[in-house]
Each structure stands twice: as C-alpha cells, then as structure tokens.
Amino acid sequence: MRIGEHQFAEHIRRFKHVLYLCHRNADPDAIGSSFALARAFGGSIGAVDDLSRTGASLAQVIGAHLLIDPPWDDYDLVVLVDTSVAMQVGQRLPACYGLVDHHLDAGLLDQALFYIQRPAGSTAEIVWNILKASGIKPGREAALGLLAGMISDTGRFKRASPETFAAASEILAAGGFDYQEALESLSVPSSLSQRIAVLKAASRCKVERQGHWLIAWTSVNSFEGSASMALLELGADVALVAGRHGSKVRISGRSGREAARRGLNLAEILGSTAREFAGEGGGHRAAAAMEATGEAAAILAACRRRVAASLLQEPVP
C-alpha cells in the first residue's frame, strides 16, 4: 500500500518492535536515513552483511549503532530503507516489512505492508519530509546523518534538484552545524586494496566506440563501484565493471550526465540483463548495479549490447 510522508507516523506507531534495515554494504544515505527514523519514532537499526567505508565513518561520527544481520523474526516490522531489490538484503525478504526508498524499481512494492517510494536525490530527502510532516525536529546527530546522506547520494549536489537544495538548507538550519562538518563525516582515505582494485580495473579495461560515445568495461575482484566511477573520470561515457562473489556475478554501472540526458537508463538495462541471467538489478539512471548467475564475460557483453543500443537509439539485438 502506497502512503504519503504525512501518514508514516500513523503506520509505524502501530508496531512496538521495529527494525530499520539498511542494504548490504550500507552507504551514508541508508545509514543516515535509518538513524533519523529510529531517533524520531523508536526502533533499532541494522544492516545486511556489512557497511561501506564511508557508511562506517558516518555511523561513528553520529553515534549510530547498527546490528549486522539481525534476526528479522525478533521484530514486529522491518522497514527496508534505501533498498530497491531483494538482492540488496540477501534475496529472502522479511515476513512483514515496510519500505522507504528513492529508487524507481517496483520489485519490493507488492509484498510491502506499506511503502513510500518516489524519485528524489536521496532517501534522506524523503525522510526529512517524513519528519517535517510528522512535526518532529531532528537532533543534531540525526540532521547531520541526513545531510551526509544527501551529499553522498547526489555526488556533493552535482545531481541535486531544487527540492534537494531546499531540504539541505532546512537541515543545516535545524541541525546547527555547517556544511564542512557534514563533508568531513564522509572523509575516508582510499584503502590500499581499493586503490589496487581501481588500478587493475583500469589496466584490464576495454573500450568500445559507438558513434561519439565511449563504453568501457572490465573485471575486478572487489570495489566494482569505485572502479566504475574511476573509469568515468578517465574519460568513459559509460563504465561497466564486473566482479565474482562466490557463485554470483555483480556488475556496477555508471554513466556521465550527457548519456543519461540522452535517455540511457542503467537501472532498466542492468535490471533487464539481471533477469535474463536469473538475477536482480536496479538503481538510478546514471548509477546502477546487478547480481546474477553465469559467466562474467557473457553478462558484461549483454549489458554492453543494451547500453550501445540505447545510446544509438537502436533496437536491442
């Protein structure tokens, strides 16, 4: 059931034991949003598998204690935060769950007890509107977490809308801190293993020219997201990076602003490719991920074909 931000308090207060659950490799948007909701309405915060490095940094700064892989059956309700597809929580879904998310994937909506899902620069922006509609002023740490989530998910406001800027201004006023402090909460030096993975990705990279577009693809063993962003910075219009994790292949995709403006939608492309290979995928137009079963080279090739067809506005072969 779809609900509005002003209805969230009414629905959440029907439950005594609530868990706000972040996706695996939980990022600042998921952590800041979950923390603000738990502070406002009560409940625990959890994450599947682990936290990202920037997510862990933010959690330490704001004092957010996240339970890793908490038993879902211990809670009356699990609220999936910043989560769009089941693979982000390990395929199995909680028996009773709500959803607060800013992606456009519909895979989790039908089974949700209630959901708030609409396009926004970040889930934190939606959570801020929930708090405002509920008449709740967040504390300093919760506000800091929300602003850090916005900064992280919008690429330091490179992908921000007027609504995002307005929300950020309101949060700064409510929290009583400055923008620099929010930036510093996300400051984490790249680890040696991350730098090695990115350099290996670049050294193994292959490039295909489609018209005036450059599509880059490669494989690494970890840090697929960081590697795909690095390939964009090196000059690619679209970057696809695959990595094998056990029996699964994960692919991270990133595109530049002009490719997305032209109509490229990586969330749709990776989502449809994932289904072709018995997996799931989703995300945003310019940043998406998928997980599936099969050979990495074959899955990458399928993604490349769809990207090229979209950029050239030709039918997929």
C-alpha atoms as a PDB file:
ATOM      1  CA  MET A   1       0.000   0.000   0.000  1.00  0.00           C
ATOM      2  CA  ARG A   2       1.410   3.349  -1.020  1.00  0.00           C
ATOM      3  CA  ILE A   3       1.312   6.013   1.681  1.00  0.00           C
ATOM      4  CA  GLY A   4       2.371   9.643   1.885  1.00  0.00           C
ATOM      5  CA  GLU A   5       5.050  11.092   4.133  1.00  0.00           C
ATOM      6  CA  HIS A   6       2.346  12.523   6.401  1.00  0.00           C
ATOM      7  CA  GLN A   7       0.969   9.003   7.009  1.00  0.00           C
ATOM      8  CA  PHE A   8       4.234   7.370   8.070  1.00  0.00           C
ATOM      9  CA  ALA A   9       3.916   8.163  11.784  1.00  0.00           C
ATOM     10  CA  GLU A  10       0.391   6.733  11.882  1.00  0.00           C
ATOM     11  CA  HIS A  11       1.530   3.420  10.380  1.00  0.00           C
ATOM     12  CA  ILE A  12       4.841   2.995  12.211  1.00  0.00           C
ATOM     13  CA  ARG A  13       3.337   3.636  15.648  1.00  0.00           C
ATOM     14  CA  ARG A  14       1.144   0.548  15.315  1.00  0.00           C
ATOM     15  CA  PHE A  15       4.233  -1.595  15.942  1.00  0.00           C
ATOM     16  CA  LYS A  16       6.191  -1.991  19.168  1.00  0.00           C
ATOM     17  CA  HIS A  17       9.437  -3.557  17.931  1.00  0.00           C
ATOM     18  CA  VAL A  18      10.674  -2.012  14.686  1.00  0.00           C
ATOM     19  CA  LEU A  19      13.911  -2.618  12.791  1.00  0.00           C
ATOM     20  CA  TYR A  20      15.141  -0.132  10.192  1.00  0.00           C
ATOM     21  CA  LEU A  21      17.207  -2.288   7.850  1.00  0.00           C
ATOM     22  CA  CYS A  22      19.934  -0.995   5.523  1.00  0.00           C
ATOM     23  CA  HIS A  23      21.046  -2.864   2.415  1.00  0.00           C
ATOM     24  CA  ARG A  24      24.337  -4.744   2.251  1.00  0.00           C
ATOM     25  CA  ASN A  25      27.425  -2.526   2.074  1.00  0.00           C
ATOM     26  CA  ALA A  26      25.250   0.143   3.688  1.00  0.00           C
ATOM     27  CA  ASP A  27      26.059   3.642   2.454  1.00  0.00           C
ATOM     28  CA  PRO A  28      25.653   7.034   4.168  1.00  0.00           C
ATOM     29  CA  ASP A  29      22.200   7.617   2.681  1.00  0.00           C
ATOM     30  CA  ALA A  30      20.858   4.354   4.081  1.00  0.00           C
ATOM     31  CA  ILE A  31      22.552   4.815   7.465  1.00  0.00           C
ATOM     32  CA  GLY A  32      21.670   8.488   7.914  1.00  0.00           C
ATOM     33  CA  SER A  33      18.049   7.845   6.920  1.00  0.00           C
ATOM     34  CA  SER A  34      17.635   4.808   9.183  1.00  0.00           C
ATOM     35  CA  PHE A  35      19.256   6.597  12.114  1.00  0.00           C
ATOM     36  CA  ALA A  36      16.960   9.616  11.760  1.00  0.00           C
ATOM     37  CA  LEU A  37      13.850   7.410  11.576  1.00  0.00           C
ATOM     38  CA  ALA A  38      14.896   5.356  14.598  1.00  0.00           C
ATOM     39  CA  ARG A  39      15.618   8.501  16.620  1.00  0.00           C
ATOM     40  CA  ALA A  40      12.264  10.017  15.655  1.00  0.00           C
ATOM     41  CA  PHE A  41       9.966   7.002  16.052  1.00  0.00           C
ATOM     42  CA  GLY A  42      11.944   4.478  18.081  1.00  0.00           C
ATOM     43  CA  GLY A  43      13.412   1.191  16.952  1.00  0.00           C
ATOM     44  CA  SER A  44      16.694  -0.490  16.083  1.00  0.00           C
ATOM     45  CA  ILE A  45      18.988  -0.096  13.085  1.00  0.00           C
ATOM     46  CA  GLY A  46      20.503  -2.989  11.199  1.00  0.00           C
ATOM     47  CA  ALA A  47      22.419  -3.757   8.029  1.00  0.00           C
ATOM     48  CA  VAL A  48      22.872  -6.817   5.863  1.00  0.00           C
ATOM     49  CA  ASP A  49      26.414  -8.224   5.726  1.00  0.00           C
ATOM     50  CA  ASP A  50      28.444  -5.054   6.261  1.00  0.00           C
ATOM     51  CA  LEU A  51      28.815  -1.278   5.985  1.00  0.00           C
ATOM     52  CA  SER A  52      30.624   0.670   3.307  1.00  0.00           C
ATOM     53  CA  ARG A  53      33.725   2.539   4.446  1.00  0.00           C
ATOM     54  CA  THR A  54      32.015   5.924   4.196  1.00  0.00           C
ATOM     55  CA  GLY A  55      28.934   4.460   5.863  1.00  0.00           C
ATOM     56  CA  ALA A  56      31.031   3.191   8.768  1.00  0.00           C
ATOM     57  CA  SER A  57      32.697   6.593   9.085  1.00  0.00           C
ATOM     58  CA  LEU A  58      29.338   8.363   9.259  1.00  0.00           C
ATOM     59  CA  ALA A  59      27.963   5.836  11.757  1.00  0.00           C
ATOM     60  CA  GLN A  60      30.897   6.524  14.077  1.00  0.00           C
ATOM     61  CA  VAL A  61      30.530  10.299  13.791  1.00  0.00           C
ATOM     62  CA  ILE A  62      26.797  10.387  14.570  1.00  0.00           C
ATOM     63  CA  GLY A  63      26.868   7.547  17.099  1.00  0.00           C
ATOM     64  CA  ALA A  64      24.708   5.128  15.122  1.00  0.00           C
ATOM     65  CA  HIS A  65      24.964   1.543  16.371  1.00  0.00           C
ATOM     66  CA  LEU A  66      23.986  -0.863  13.613  1.00  0.00           C
ATOM     67  CA  LEU A  67      23.238  -4.519  14.190  1.00  0.00           C
ATOM     68  CA  ILE A  68      24.811  -6.654  11.476  1.00  0.00           C
ATOM     69  CA  ASP A  69      22.464  -9.360  10.141  1.00  0.00           C
ATOM     70  CA  PRO A  70      19.955  -9.068  12.996  1.00  0.00           C
ATOM     71  CA  PRO A  71      17.301 -11.826  13.211  1.00  0.00           C
ATOM     72  CA  TRP A  72      14.280 -10.331  11.464  1.00  0.00           C
ATOM     73  CA  ASP A  73      11.816 -12.564  13.289  1.00  0.00           C
ATOM     74  CA  ASP A  74      12.610 -10.721  16.535  1.00  0.00           C
ATOM     75  CA  TYR A  75      10.764  -7.640  15.232  1.00  0.00           C
ATOM     76  CA  ASP A  76       7.121  -6.869  14.590  1.00  0.00           C
ATOM     77  CA  LEU A  77       8.044  -4.840  11.497  1.00  0.00           C
ATOM     78  CA  VAL A  78      11.139  -4.410   9.354  1.00  0.00           C
ATOM     79  CA  VAL A  79      11.387  -1.160   7.398  1.00  0.00           C
ATOM     80  CA  LEU A  80      13.676  -1.532   4.385  1.00  0.00           C
ATOM     81  CA  VAL A  81      15.473   1.784   3.918  1.00  0.00           C
ATOM     82  CA  ASP A  82      17.085   2.903   0.655  1.00  0.00           C
ATOM     83  CA  THR A  83      16.544  -0.582  -0.745  1.00  0.00           C
ATOM     84  CA  SER A  84      15.055  -1.291  -4.162  1.00  0.00           C
ATOM     85  CA  VAL A  85      15.535  -5.002  -4.921  1.00  0.00           C
ATOM     86  CA  ALA A  86      15.642  -8.187  -2.875  1.00  0.00           C
ATOM     87  CA  MET A  87      19.285  -8.938  -3.697  1.00  0.00           C
ATOM     88  CA  GLN A  88      20.291  -5.995  -1.532  1.00  0.00           C
ATOM     89  CA  VAL A  89      19.036  -7.801   1.564  1.00  0.00           C
ATOM     90  CA  GLY A  90      20.119 -11.290   0.554  1.00  0.00           C
ATOM     91  CA  GLN A  91      17.111 -12.419  -1.534  1.00  0.00           C
ATOM     92  CA  ARG A  92      14.916 -13.517   1.400  1.00  0.00           C
ATOM     93  CA  LEU A  93      12.501 -10.801   2.474  1.00  0.00           C
ATOM     94  CA  PRO A  94      11.097 -10.199   5.966  1.00  0.00           C
ATOM     95  CA  ALA A  95       7.619 -11.612   6.551  1.00  0.00           C
ATOM     96  CA  CYS A  96       6.277  -8.154   7.423  1.00  0.00           C
ATOM     97  CA  TYR A  97       8.023  -5.126   6.007  1.00  0.00           C
ATOM     98  CA  GLY A  98       7.595  -1.510   5.003  1.00  0.00           C
ATOM     99  CA  LEU A  99       9.718   0.431   2.553  1.00  0.00           C
ATOM    100  CA  VAL A 100      11.184   3.939   2.349  1.00  0.00           C
ATOM    101  CA  ASP A 101      13.188   4.440  -0.828  1.00  0.00           C
ATOM    102  CA  HIS A 102      14.006   6.864  -3.642  1.00  0.00           C
ATOM    103  CA  HIS A 103      14.655   4.370  -6.447  1.00  0.00           C
ATOM    104  CA  LEU A 104      12.135   3.517  -9.140  1.00  0.00           C
ATOM    105  CA  ASP A 105      12.293  -0.288  -9.034  1.00  0.00           C
ATOM    106  CA  ALA A 106       8.937  -1.913  -8.290  1.00  0.00           C
ATOM    107  CA  GLY A 107      10.155  -5.352  -7.158  1.00  0.00           C
ATOM    108  CA  LEU A 108       9.539  -4.840  -3.428  1.00  0.00           C
ATOM    109  CA  LEU A 109       6.267  -2.929  -3.593  1.00  0.00           C
ATOM    110  CA  ASP A 110       3.659  -5.666  -3.985  1.00  0.00           C
ATOM    111  CA  GLN A 111       4.593  -7.525  -0.799  1.00  0.00           C
ATOM    112  CA  ALA A 112       5.189  -4.437   1.334  1.00  0.00           C
ATOM    113  CA  LEU A 113       2.705  -3.684   4.093  1.00  0.00           C
ATOM    114  CA  PHE A 114       3.190  -0.026   3.186  1.00  0.00           C
ATOM    115  CA  TYR A 115       5.720   1.942   1.204  1.00  0.00           C
ATOM    116  CA  ILE A 116       6.927   5.431   0.394  1.00  0.00           C
ATOM    117  CA  GLN A 117       8.806   5.390  -2.875  1.00  0.00           C
ATOM    118  CA  ARG A 118       9.285   8.348  -5.158  1.00  0.00           C
ATOM    119  CA  PRO A 119      12.077   9.897  -7.228  1.00  0.00           C
ATOM    120  CA  ALA A 120      14.393  12.060  -5.135  1.00  0.00           C
ATOM    121  CA  GLY A 121      18.073  12.856  -4.918  1.00  0.00           C
ATOM    122  CA  SER A 122      18.373  10.592  -1.874  1.00  0.00           C
ATOM    123  CA  THR A 123      16.283   8.635   0.595  1.00  0.00           C
ATOM    124  CA  ALA A 124      17.404  11.165   3.212  1.00  0.00           C
ATOM    125  CA  GLU A 125      15.393  13.815   1.398  1.00  0.00           C
ATOM    126  CA  ILE A 126      12.248  11.676   1.750  1.00  0.00           C
ATOM    127  CA  VAL A 127      12.988  11.013   5.423  1.00  0.00           C
ATOM    128  CA  TRP A 128      13.372  14.751   6.035  1.00  0.00           C
ATOM    129  CA  ASN A 129       9.895  15.252   4.587  1.00  0.00           C
ATOM    130  CA  ILE A 130       8.558  12.460   6.823  1.00  0.00           C
ATOM    131  CA  LEU A 131       9.934  14.222   9.890  1.00  0.00           C
ATOM    132  CA  LYS A 132       8.538  17.597   8.824  1.00  0.00           C
ATOM    133  CA  ALA A 133       5.116  16.122   8.064  1.00  0.00           C
ATOM    134  CA  SER A 134       5.132  14.432  11.486  1.00  0.00           C
ATOM    135  CA  GLY A 135       6.051  17.636  13.323  1.00  0.00           C
ATOM    136  CA  ILE A 136       9.382  16.231  14.502  1.00  0.00           C
ATOM    137  CA  LYS A 137      12.567  18.296  14.678  1.00  0.00           C
ATOM    138  CA  PRO A 138      15.623  16.019  14.492  1.00  0.00           C
ATOM    139  CA  GLY A 139      18.516  16.291  16.899  1.00  0.00           C
ATOM    140  CA  ARG A 140      21.924  17.447  15.762  1.00  0.00           C
ATOM    141  CA  GLU A 141      23.278  13.947  15.013  1.00  0.00           C
ATOM    142  CA  ALA A 142      20.190  12.849  13.090  1.00  0.00           C
ATOM    143  CA  ALA A 143      20.263  16.028  10.996  1.00  0.00           C
ATOM    144  CA  LEU A 144      23.965  15.533  10.314  1.00  0.00           C
ATOM    145  CA  GLY A 145      23.284  11.977   9.166  1.00  0.00           C
ATOM    146  CA  LEU A 146      20.557  13.134   6.786  1.00  0.00           C
ATOM    147  CA  LEU A 147      22.689  15.848   5.219  1.00  0.00           C
ATOM    148  CA  ALA A 148      25.625  13.449   4.837  1.00  0.00           C
ATOM    149  CA  GLY A 149      23.301  11.012   3.072  1.00  0.00           C
ATOM    150  CA  MET A 150      22.192  13.729   0.668  1.00  0.00           C
ATOM    151  CA  ILE A 151      25.765  14.793  -0.036  1.00  0.00           C
ATOM    152  CA  SER A 152      26.839  11.233  -0.706  1.00  0.00           C
ATOM    153  CA  ASP A 153      23.966  10.168  -2.965  1.00  0.00           C
ATOM    154  CA  THR A 154      23.900  13.354  -5.053  1.00  0.00           C
ATOM    155  CA  GLY A 155      27.657  13.433  -5.649  1.00  0.00           C
ATOM    156  CA  ARG A 156      28.047  16.546  -3.495  1.00  0.00           C
ATOM    157  CA  PHE A 157      24.888  18.010  -5.071  1.00  0.00           C
ATOM    158  CA  LYS A 158      26.019  17.513  -8.682  1.00  0.00           C
ATOM    159  CA  ARG A 159      22.755  15.588  -9.245  1.00  0.00           C
ATOM    160  CA  ALA A 160      20.596  17.659  -6.906  1.00  0.00           C
ATOM    161  CA  SER A 161      17.193  19.146  -7.677  1.00  0.00           C
ATOM    162  CA  PRO A 162      15.835  22.441  -6.316  1.00  0.00           C
ATOM    163  CA  GLU A 163      13.916  20.374  -3.743  1.00  0.00           C
ATOM    164  CA  THR A 164      17.160  18.755  -2.597  1.00  0.00           C
ATOM    165  CA  PHE A 165      18.855  22.120  -2.098  1.00  0.00           C
ATOM    166  CA  ALA A 166      15.827  23.390  -0.173  1.00  0.00           C
ATOM    167  CA  ALA A 167      15.852  20.335   2.102  1.00  0.00           C
ATOM    168  CA  ALA A 168      19.606  20.674   2.698  1.00  0.00           C
ATOM    169  CA  SER A 169      19.180  24.304   3.708  1.00  0.00           C
ATOM    170  CA  GLU A 170      16.426  23.399   6.170  1.00  0.00           C
ATOM    171  CA  ILE A 171      18.516  20.581   7.659  1.00  0.00           C
ATOM    172  CA  LEU A 172      21.517  22.863   8.148  1.00  0.00           C
ATOM    173  CA  ALA A 173      19.306  25.338   9.988  1.00  0.00           C
ATOM    174  CA  ALA A 174      17.720  22.620  12.129  1.00  0.00           C
ATOM    175  CA  GLY A 175      20.994  20.863  12.965  1.00  0.00           C
ATOM    176  CA  GLY A 176      23.095  23.875  13.893  1.00  0.00           C
ATOM    177  CA  PHE A 177      26.254  22.714  12.087  1.00  0.00           C
ATOM    178  CA  ASP A 178      27.930  23.801   8.867  1.00  0.00           C
ATOM    179  CA  TYR A 179      28.339  22.085   5.519  1.00  0.00           C
ATOM    180  CA  GLN A 180      32.027  21.411   6.095  1.00  0.00           C
ATOM    181  CA  GLU A 181      31.261  19.264   9.129  1.00  0.00           C
ATOM    182  CA  ALA A 182      28.905  17.100   7.070  1.00  0.00           C
ATOM    183  CA  LEU A 183      31.585  16.712   4.411  1.00  0.00           C
ATOM    184  CA  GLU A 184      34.169  15.692   7.000  1.00  0.00           C
ATOM    185  CA  SER A 185      31.865  12.959   8.320  1.00  0.00           C
ATOM    186  CA  LEU A 186      32.288  11.236   4.926  1.00  0.00           C
ATOM    187  CA  SER A 187      36.041  11.718   4.674  1.00  0.00           C
ATOM    188  CA  VAL A 188      37.714   8.315   4.401  1.00  0.00           C
ATOM    189  CA  PRO A 189      41.091   7.835   2.679  1.00  0.00           C
ATOM    190  CA  SER A 190      41.088   5.162  -0.023  1.00  0.00           C
ATOM    191  CA  SER A 191      42.434   1.874   1.296  1.00  0.00           C
ATOM    192  CA  LEU A 192      45.397   0.159  -0.357  1.00  0.00           C
ATOM    193  CA  SER A 193      43.168  -2.693  -1.561  1.00  0.00           C
ATOM    194  CA  GLN A 194      40.709  -0.224  -3.089  1.00  0.00           C
ATOM    195  CA  ARG A 195      43.459   1.630  -4.920  1.00  0.00           C
ATOM    196  CA  ILE A 196      44.885  -1.657  -6.229  1.00  0.00           C
ATOM    197  CA  ALA A 197      41.444  -2.770  -7.436  1.00  0.00           C
ATOM    198  CA  VAL A 198      40.855   0.511  -9.272  1.00  0.00           C
ATOM    199  CA  LEU A 199      44.294   0.401 -10.928  1.00  0.00           C
ATOM    200  CA  LYS A 200      43.761  -3.215 -12.006  1.00  0.00           C
ATOM    201  CA  ALA A 201      40.365  -2.293 -13.407  1.00  0.00           C
ATOM    202  CA  ALA A 202      41.933   0.457 -15.489  1.00  0.00           C
ATOM    203  CA  SER A 203      44.789  -1.774 -16.708  1.00  0.00           C
ATOM    204  CA  ARG A 204      42.346  -4.512 -17.824  1.00  0.00           C
ATOM    205  CA  CYS A 205      39.818  -2.105 -19.282  1.00  0.00           C
ATOM    206  CA  LYS A 206      38.472  -2.495 -22.816  1.00  0.00           C
ATOM    207  CA  VAL A 207      36.848   0.362 -24.698  1.00  0.00           C
ATOM    208  CA  GLU A 208      34.263   0.345 -27.454  1.00  0.00           C
ATOM    209  CA  ARG A 209      33.298   3.368 -29.506  1.00  0.00           C
ATOM    210  CA  GLN A 210      29.656   3.740 -30.501  1.00  0.00           C
ATOM    211  CA  GLY A 211      29.246   6.909 -32.532  1.00  0.00           C
ATOM    212  CA  HIS A 212      30.802   9.585 -30.344  1.00  0.00           C
ATOM    213  CA  TRP A 213      30.173   7.568 -27.151  1.00  0.00           C
ATOM    214  CA  LEU A 214      32.860   5.578 -25.304  1.00  0.00           C
ATOM    215  CA  ILE A 215      31.784   2.451 -23.399  1.00  0.00           C
ATOM    216  CA  ALA A 216      34.387   0.959 -21.042  1.00  0.00           C
ATOM    217  CA  TRP A 217      34.165  -2.413 -19.324  1.00  0.00           C
ATOM    218  CA  THR A 218      36.398  -4.518 -17.129  1.00  0.00           C
ATOM    219  CA  SER A 219      36.512  -7.079 -14.305  1.00  0.00           C
ATOM    220  CA  VAL A 220      37.918  -6.908 -10.768  1.00  0.00           C
ATOM    221  CA  ASN A 221      37.563  -8.949  -7.592  1.00  0.00           C
ATOM    222  CA  SER A 222      36.158  -6.135  -5.449  1.00  0.00           C
ATOM    223  CA  PHE A 223      35.286  -2.428  -5.350  1.00  0.00           C
ATOM    224  CA  GLU A 224      33.270  -2.567  -8.574  1.00  0.00           C
ATOM    225  CA  GLY A 225      31.527   0.721  -7.773  1.00  0.00           C
ATOM    226  CA  SER A 226      34.773   2.592  -7.152  1.00  0.00           C
ATOM    227  CA  ALA A 227      36.273   1.145 -10.333  1.00  0.00           C
ATOM    228  CA  SER A 228      33.311   2.160 -12.499  1.00  0.00           C
ATOM    229  CA  MET A 229      33.430   5.718 -11.164  1.00  0.00           C
ATOM    230  CA  ALA A 230      37.178   5.853 -11.829  1.00  0.00           C
ATOM    231  CA  LEU A 231      36.654   4.812 -15.462  1.00  0.00           C
ATOM    232  CA  LEU A 232      34.191   7.671 -15.893  1.00  0.00           C
ATOM    233  CA  GLU A 233      36.770  10.103 -14.537  1.00  0.00           C
ATOM    234  CA  LEU A 234      39.285   8.716 -17.035  1.00  0.00           C
ATOM    235  CA  GLY A 235      37.014   9.611 -19.937  1.00  0.00           C
ATOM    236  CA  ALA A 236      34.396   6.905 -20.466  1.00  0.00           C
ATOM    237  CA  ASP A 237      30.775   7.906 -21.105  1.00  0.00           C
ATOM    238  CA  VAL A 238      29.559   4.609 -19.655  1.00  0.00           C
ATOM    239  CA  ALA A 239      31.504   2.191 -17.435  1.00  0.00           C
ATOM    240  CA  LEU A 240      30.587  -1.402 -16.590  1.00  0.00           C
ATOM    241  CA  VAL A 241      32.629  -3.341 -14.025  1.00  0.00           C
ATOM    242  CA  ALA A 242      32.053  -6.988 -13.093  1.00  0.00           C
ATOM    243  CA  GLY A 243      33.248  -8.952 -10.092  1.00  0.00           C
ATOM    244  CA  ARG A 244      32.652 -12.510  -8.971  1.00  0.00           C
ATOM    245  CA  HIS A 245      31.482 -13.100  -5.401  1.00  0.00           C
ATOM    246  CA  GLY A 246      31.089 -16.801  -4.747  1.00  0.00           C
ATOM    247  CA  SER A 247      28.561 -18.186  -7.217  1.00  0.00           C
ATOM    248  CA  LYS A 248      27.283 -14.734  -8.141  1.00  0.00           C
ATOM    249  CA  VAL A 249      28.494 -12.077 -10.548  1.00  0.00           C
ATOM    250  CA  ARG A 250      27.981  -8.456  -9.534  1.00  0.00           C
ATOM    251  CA  ILE A 251      28.114  -5.652 -12.057  1.00  0.00           C
ATOM    252  CA  SER A 252      28.299  -1.963 -11.280  1.00  0.00           C
ATOM    253  CA  GLY A 253      27.368   0.545 -13.968  1.00  0.00           C
ATOM    254  CA  ARG A 254      27.940   4.298 -14.115  1.00  0.00           C
ATOM    255  CA  SER A 255      27.272   6.857 -16.824  1.00  0.00           C
ATOM    256  CA  GLY A 256      28.016  10.512 -17.378  1.00  0.00           C
ATOM    257  CA  ARG A 257      25.410  13.265 -17.301  1.00  0.00           C
ATOM    258  CA  GLU A 258      25.111  13.594 -21.095  1.00  0.00           C
ATOM    259  CA  ALA A 259      24.465   9.870 -21.626  1.00  0.00           C
ATOM    260  CA  ALA A 260      21.717   9.918 -19.002  1.00  0.00           C
ATOM    261  CA  ARG A 261      20.231  13.059 -20.537  1.00  0.00           C
ATOM    262  CA  ARG A 262      20.225  11.353 -23.922  1.00  0.00           C
ATOM    263  CA  GLY A 263      17.960   8.665 -22.469  1.00  0.00           C
ATOM    264  CA  LEU A 264      20.318   5.998 -21.155  1.00  0.00           C
ATOM    265  CA  ASN A 265      18.787   4.285 -18.109  1.00  0.00           C
ATOM    266  CA  LEU A 266      21.252   1.956 -16.388  1.00  0.00           C
ATOM    267  CA  ALA A 267      18.650   0.856 -13.831  1.00  0.00           C
ATOM    268  CA  GLU A 268      16.483  -0.547 -16.619  1.00  0.00           C
ATOM    269  CA  ILE A 269      19.411  -2.008 -18.543  1.00  0.00           C
ATOM    270  CA  LEU A 270      21.017  -3.779 -15.596  1.00  0.00           C
ATOM    271  CA  GLY A 271      17.616  -4.849 -14.296  1.00  0.00           C
ATOM    272  CA  SER A 272      16.597  -6.477 -17.577  1.00  0.00           C
ATOM    273  CA  THR A 273      20.026  -8.069 -18.029  1.00  0.00           C
ATOM    274  CA  ALA A 274      19.889  -9.459 -14.498  1.00  0.00           C
ATOM    275  CA  ARG A 275      16.528 -11.105 -15.182  1.00  0.00           C
ATOM    276  CA  GLU A 276      17.996 -12.686 -18.319  1.00  0.00           C
ATOM    277  CA  PHE A 277      20.591 -14.351 -16.096  1.00  0.00           C
ATOM    278  CA  ALA A 278      18.269 -15.290 -13.204  1.00  0.00           C
ATOM    279  CA  GLY A 279      19.236 -12.329 -11.046  1.00  0.00           C
ATOM    280  CA  GLU A 280      18.130  -8.905  -9.911  1.00  0.00           C
ATOM    281  CA  GLY A 281      19.294  -5.392 -10.552  1.00  0.00           C
ATOM    282  CA  GLY A 282      18.297  -1.763 -10.287  1.00  0.00           C
ATOM    283  CA  GLY A 283      19.304   1.667  -9.085  1.00  0.00           C
ATOM    284  CA  HIS A 284      19.311   5.023 -10.862  1.00  0.00           C
ATOM    285  CA  ARG A 285      19.526   6.185 -14.454  1.00  0.00           C
ATOM    286  CA  ALA A 286      23.231   7.007 -14.142  1.00  0.00           C
ATOM    287  CA  ALA A 287      24.256   4.561 -11.392  1.00  0.00           C
ATOM    288  CA  ALA A 288      23.005   1.004 -11.015  1.00  0.00           C
ATOM    289  CA  ALA A 289      24.067  -2.490 -10.033  1.00  0.00           C
ATOM    290  CA  MET A 290      23.019  -6.070 -10.598  1.00  0.00           C
ATOM    291  CA  GLU A 291      23.732  -9.566  -9.324  1.00  0.00           C
ATOM    292  CA  ALA A 292      23.200 -12.710 -11.373  1.00  0.00           C
ATOM    293  CA  THR A 293      24.433 -16.224 -12.102  1.00  0.00           C
ATOM    294  CA  GLY A 294      26.649 -17.070 -15.056  1.00  0.00           C
ATOM    295  CA  GLU A 295      29.895 -16.120 -16.738  1.00  0.00           C
ATOM    296  CA  ALA A 296      31.013 -12.550 -16.106  1.00  0.00           C
ATOM    297  CA  ALA A 297      32.081 -12.066 -19.725  1.00  0.00           C
ATOM    298  CA  ALA A 298      28.676 -13.114 -21.064  1.00  0.00           C
ATOM    299  CA  ILE A 299      26.783 -10.894 -18.628  1.00  0.00           C
ATOM    300  CA  LEU A 300      29.043  -7.925 -19.375  1.00  0.00           C
ATOM    301  CA  ALA A 301      28.526  -8.472 -23.099  1.00  0.00           C
ATOM    302  CA  ALA A 302      24.751  -8.442 -22.667  1.00  0.00           C
ATOM    303  CA  CYS A 303      24.954  -5.197 -20.689  1.00  0.00           C
ATOM    304  CA  ARG A 304      27.198  -3.639 -23.340  1.00  0.00           C
ATOM    305  CA  ARG A 305      24.818  -4.501 -26.151  1.00  0.00           C
ATOM    306  CA  ARG A 306      21.917  -2.888 -24.342  1.00  0.00           C
ATOM    307  CA  VAL A 307      23.940   0.212 -23.470  1.00  0.00           C
ATOM    308  CA  ALA A 308      25.102   0.623 -27.073  1.00  0.00           C
ATOM    309  CA  ALA A 309      21.584   0.164 -28.440  1.00  0.00           C
ATOM    310  CA  SER A 310      20.232   2.757 -26.023  1.00  0.00           C
ATOM    311  CA  LEU A 311      22.906   5.308 -26.843  1.00  0.00           C
ATOM    312  CA  LEU A 312      22.383   4.855 -30.566  1.00  0.00           C
ATOM    313  CA  GLN A 313      18.605   4.590 -30.143  1.00  0.00           C
ATOM    314  CA  GLU A 314      18.574   1.272 -31.950  1.00  0.00           C
ATOM    315  CA  PRO A 315      16.659  -1.911 -31.052  1.00  0.00           C
ATOM    316  CA  VAL A 316      18.473  -4.375 -28.822  1.00  0.00           C
ATOM    317  CA  PRO A 317      19.791  -7.296 -30.963  1.00  0.00           C
END
